[in-house]
């Protein structure tokens, strides 16, 4: 934190140019309540789910993106390491979270207008479920890609501002809303699954690296 404060104080302002940018954000997100549907051999349930975020616990929440700027237009890909924990477990579920995480991979396009960057994105969900059904062993890190499964699709809209620039970095604040629908396995039985829709609001602080300036031709 001290390093970032010193960087903000002593850096030289520069104008962001065209090229490739690497960017990472950290912050807080909030998921609104949704309807959780669980299909299992013990019986199906439909549950009004309340979600916790725990952005800074376990595997922290973050986003990472690579994007290309051309004038006031931008396009790129973004990984959002989203997390949700079921707060009000029904009697048939001991524990349920998608905390490692409810990952979303977006393709974004956007435009800068009046110092604000507006982006829209579409993407897929790679979910890492952690589920313990009542009277059963924990289902976690089984199958998929190290426990992560392709689970559905997502969309997002974001507004970002670059509030400070140095010769090689940009500092930003971003707010976004994501909407997603995931179907996750809840056991090693492929016939058992849960449908987990999610709408979340995100507020983040970010640090990005700017492209190196092009050398003038001799």
Protein backbone atom coordinates (compact mmCIF):
# COMPACT_ATOMS: atom_id res chain seq x y z
CA UNK A 1 0.00 0.00 0.00
CA UNK A 2 2.85 2.45 0.85
CA UNK A 3 4.41 1.70 -2.54
CA UNK A 4 1.18 2.59 -4.34
CA UNK A 5 0.81 5.84 -2.35
CA UNK A 6 4.40 6.88 -3.15
CA UNK A 7 3.86 6.00 -6.81
CA UNK A 8 0.76 8.20 -6.91
CA UNK A 9 2.65 11.12 -5.35
CA UNK A 10 5.88 11.05 -7.37
CA UNK A 11 4.75 9.75 -10.79
CA UNK A 12 4.72 11.94 -13.90
CA UNK A 13 1.45 12.36 -15.78
CA UNK A 14 1.33 10.87 -19.28
CA UNK A 15 -1.31 10.48 -21.95
CA UNK A 16 -2.42 6.90 -22.59
CA UNK A 17 -1.78 5.83 -26.17
CA UNK A 18 -2.84 3.05 -28.51
CA UNK A 19 -1.62 -0.50 -27.94
CA UNK A 20 -1.93 -3.46 -25.61
CA UNK A 21 -2.63 -3.04 -21.89
CA UNK A 22 -2.45 -5.53 -19.03
CA UNK A 23 -4.75 -4.72 -16.13
CA UNK A 24 -5.72 -6.26 -12.79
CA UNK A 25 -8.41 -5.14 -10.34
CA UNK A 26 -9.21 -5.95 -6.72
CA UNK A 27 -12.19 -4.96 -4.65
CA UNK A 28 -15.62 -6.00 -3.46
CA UNK A 29 -18.65 -7.58 -5.06
CA UNK A 30 -22.21 -8.21 -3.85
CA UNK A 31 -24.54 -10.91 -5.19
CA UNK A 32 -28.28 -10.38 -4.90
CA UNK A 33 -30.60 -13.17 -3.75
CA UNK A 34 -31.59 -15.69 -6.41
CA UNK A 35 -33.53 -18.92 -6.87
CA UNK A 36 -31.32 -21.99 -6.42
CA UNK A 37 -32.64 -25.22 -7.98
CA UNK A 38 -31.11 -28.52 -6.86
CA UNK A 39 -31.73 -31.85 -8.57
CA UNK A 40 -30.52 -34.91 -6.63
CA UNK A 41 -31.48 -38.51 -5.95
CA UNK A 42 -32.55 -37.37 -2.47
CA UNK A 43 -35.22 -35.18 -4.03
CA UNK A 44 -35.44 -31.90 -5.92
CA UNK A 45 -35.61 -28.56 -4.14
CA UNK A 46 -36.16 -24.94 -5.13
CA UNK A 47 -34.64 -22.54 -2.63
CA UNK A 48 -34.57 -18.75 -2.29
CA UNK A 49 -30.83 -18.40 -1.85
CA UNK A 50 -29.02 -15.65 0.03
CA UNK A 51 -25.38 -15.23 -0.96
CA UNK A 52 -22.23 -14.00 0.77
CA UNK A 53 -19.21 -12.73 -1.13
CA UNK A 54 -16.19 -13.05 1.23
CA UNK A 55 -14.10 -11.16 -1.32
CA UNK A 56 -10.93 -11.17 0.79
CA UNK A 57 -11.11 -14.67 2.31
CA UNK A 58 -9.78 -17.97 0.98
CA UNK A 59 -8.91 -17.38 -2.68
CA UNK A 60 -9.39 -13.57 -3.02
CA UNK A 61 -11.64 -11.93 -5.57
CA UNK A 62 -9.83 -10.32 -8.50
CA UNK A 63 -10.11 -9.54 -12.19
CA UNK A 64 -7.42 -9.65 -14.87
CA UNK A 65 -7.62 -8.50 -18.46
CA UNK A 66 -5.63 -7.90 -21.61
CA UNK A 67 -7.02 -5.37 -24.04
CA UNK A 68 -6.10 -3.32 -27.06
CA UNK A 69 -6.80 0.40 -27.36
CA UNK A 70 -7.25 2.15 -30.71
CA UNK A 71 -8.18 5.78 -30.24
CA UNK A 72 -11.22 5.84 -27.94
CA UNK A 73 -12.19 2.23 -28.66
CA UNK A 74 -11.08 -0.87 -26.78
CA UNK A 75 -11.49 -4.64 -27.13
CA UNK A 76 -10.08 -7.52 -25.12
CA UNK A 77 -10.61 -10.48 -22.82
CA UNK A 78 -11.17 -10.44 -19.07
CA UNK A 79 -11.10 -13.09 -16.34
CA UNK A 80 -13.33 -12.36 -13.33
CA UNK A 81 -12.62 -14.54 -10.29
CA UNK A 82 -16.08 -14.15 -8.75
CA UNK A 83 -17.08 -15.96 -5.53
CA UNK A 84 -20.40 -16.90 -3.91
CA UNK A 85 -21.20 -18.68 -0.65
CA UNK A 86 -24.69 -19.89 0.24
CA UNK A 87 -25.69 -18.12 3.46
CA UNK A 88 -29.01 -19.82 4.25
CA UNK A 89 -28.56 -23.54 3.70
CA UNK A 90 -31.72 -25.64 3.35
CA UNK A 91 -31.96 -28.82 5.43
CA UNK A 92 -30.71 -31.00 2.56
CA UNK A 93 -27.49 -29.01 2.03
CA UNK A 94 -24.77 -28.80 4.66
CA UNK A 95 -22.59 -26.44 2.67
CA UNK A 96 -22.53 -24.97 -0.84
CA UNK A 97 -20.17 -22.45 -2.39
CA UNK A 98 -18.68 -21.65 -5.76
CA UNK A 99 -15.72 -19.88 -4.29
CA UNK A 100 -12.68 -21.03 -6.21
CA UNK A 101 -14.65 -19.68 -8.02
CA UNK A 102 -17.71 -18.63 -10.07
CA UNK A 103 -15.19 -17.65 -12.76
CA UNK A 104 -16.29 -15.70 -15.82
CA UNK A 105 -14.22 -15.27 -19.00
CA UNK A 106 -15.47 -12.30 -21.05
CA UNK A 107 -14.82 -10.84 -24.45
CA UNK A 108 -15.32 -7.10 -24.01
CA UNK A 109 -15.74 -4.14 -26.30
CA UNK A 110 -15.93 -0.55 -25.16
CA UNK A 111 -15.58 3.14 -25.81
CA UNK A 112 -14.16 6.11 -23.90
CA UNK A 113 -16.43 9.16 -23.61
CA UNK A 114 -16.01 12.19 -21.31
CA UNK A 115 -13.24 10.43 -19.33
CA UNK A 116 -15.48 7.41 -18.68
CA UNK A 117 -14.90 4.01 -20.26
CA UNK A 118 -18.07 2.04 -21.00
CA UNK A 119 -17.70 -1.68 -21.74
CA UNK A 120 -20.02 -4.52 -22.64
CA UNK A 121 -19.00 -8.16 -22.47
CA UNK A 122 -20.22 -11.68 -23.19
CA UNK A 123 -18.57 -14.80 -21.88
CA UNK A 124 -18.56 -18.27 -20.38
CA UNK A 125 -18.52 -19.54 -16.81
CA UNK A 126 -15.92 -21.92 -15.41
CA UNK A 127 -17.27 -22.91 -12.00
CA UNK A 128 -15.45 -24.68 -9.18
CA UNK A 129 -18.20 -26.07 -6.91
CA UNK A 130 -17.70 -27.01 -3.27
CA UNK A 131 -20.79 -28.90 -2.10
CA UNK A 132 -21.68 -31.09 0.86
CA UNK A 133 -25.14 -32.62 0.75
CA UNK A 134 -26.72 -33.71 4.02
CA UNK A 135 -25.29 -37.08 5.10
CA UNK A 136 -22.73 -37.24 2.26
CA UNK A 137 -19.05 -36.62 1.75
CA UNK A 138 -17.83 -33.25 0.48
CA UNK A 139 -17.82 -32.87 -3.32
CA UNK A 140 -14.84 -30.69 -4.17
CA UNK A 141 -11.99 -30.79 -6.66
CA UNK A 142 -13.44 -33.87 -8.38
CA UNK A 143 -13.41 -34.06 -12.17
CA UNK A 144 -13.47 -31.19 -14.61
CA UNK A 145 -10.24 -29.21 -14.97
CA UNK A 146 -8.76 -29.38 -11.47
CA UNK A 147 -12.31 -29.29 -10.14
CA UNK A 148 -13.55 -26.53 -12.48
CA UNK A 149 -16.35 -27.19 -14.98
CA UNK A 150 -17.78 -25.30 -17.93
CA UNK A 151 -21.07 -24.23 -16.36
CA UNK A 152 -22.87 -21.63 -18.46
CA UNK A 153 -22.85 -18.13 -19.88
CA UNK A 154 -22.56 -14.57 -18.58
CA UNK A 155 -22.84 -10.93 -19.63
CA UNK A 156 -21.55 -7.71 -18.11
CA UNK A 157 -21.63 -3.93 -18.31
CA UNK A 158 -18.97 -1.76 -16.68
CA UNK A 159 -18.03 1.88 -16.20
CA UNK A 160 -14.41 2.72 -15.51
CA UNK A 161 -12.35 5.86 -14.97
CA UNK A 162 -8.58 6.25 -15.09
CA UNK A 163 -7.97 8.68 -12.24
CA UNK A 164 -4.16 8.79 -12.48
CA UNK A 165 -1.49 7.90 -15.02
CA UNK A 166 2.27 7.52 -14.96
CA UNK A 167 4.60 6.95 -17.88
CA UNK A 168 4.08 3.19 -17.69
CA UNK A 169 0.93 2.61 -15.57
CA UNK A 170 -2.69 3.64 -15.16
CA UNK A 171 -4.74 3.60 -11.95
CA UNK A 172 -8.47 3.05 -12.24
CA UNK A 173 -11.78 2.72 -10.46
CA UNK A 174 -14.44 0.47 -11.98
CA UNK A 175 -18.02 -0.41 -11.26
CA UNK A 176 -19.72 -3.27 -13.06
CA UNK A 177 -22.79 -5.47 -13.04
CA UNK A 178 -22.63 -9.12 -14.11
CA UNK A 179 -25.49 -11.47 -14.95
CA UNK A 180 -24.83 -15.19 -15.25
CA UNK A 181 -26.52 -18.59 -15.26
CA UNK A 182 -24.55 -21.67 -14.22
CA UNK A 183 -25.37 -25.36 -13.92
CA UNK A 184 -22.90 -27.07 -11.58
CA UNK A 185 -22.40 -30.72 -10.60
CA UNK A 186 -23.06 -31.46 -6.94
CA UNK A 187 -21.68 -35.00 -6.83
CA UNK A 188 -19.86 -37.53 -8.99
CA UNK A 189 -23.27 -38.64 -10.27
CA UNK A 190 -23.80 -36.76 -13.55
CA UNK A 191 -27.57 -36.82 -12.98
CA UNK A 192 -27.21 -34.60 -9.89
CA UNK A 193 -26.75 -30.87 -10.42
CA UNK A 194 -27.73 -27.39 -9.28
CA UNK A 195 -28.84 -24.40 -11.34
CA UNK A 196 -27.26 -21.27 -9.89
CA UNK A 197 -28.20 -17.92 -11.49
CA UNK A 198 -26.27 -14.90 -10.27
CA UNK A 199 -26.53 -11.14 -10.57
CA UNK A 200 -23.74 -9.21 -8.87
CA UNK A 201 -22.43 -5.68 -8.46
CA UNK A 202 -18.66 -5.10 -8.38
CA UNK A 203 -16.62 -2.10 -7.24
CA UNK A 204 -12.86 -2.35 -7.80
CA UNK A 205 -9.54 -0.53 -7.81
CA UNK A 206 -7.12 -1.40 -10.60
CA UNK A 207 -3.54 -1.07 -11.78
CA UNK A 208 -2.64 -1.45 -15.44
CA UNK A 209 0.58 -1.50 -17.46
CA UNK A 210 0.71 0.70 -20.55
CA UNK A 211 2.40 -0.28 -23.82
CA UNK A 212 6.01 0.72 -24.26
CA UNK A 213 6.38 3.75 -26.54
CA UNK A 214 7.39 2.96 -30.09
CA UNK A 215 10.93 3.95 -31.03
CA UNK A 216 11.22 6.54 -33.74
CA UNK A 217 12.54 5.21 -37.03
CA UNK A 218 16.05 6.33 -37.92
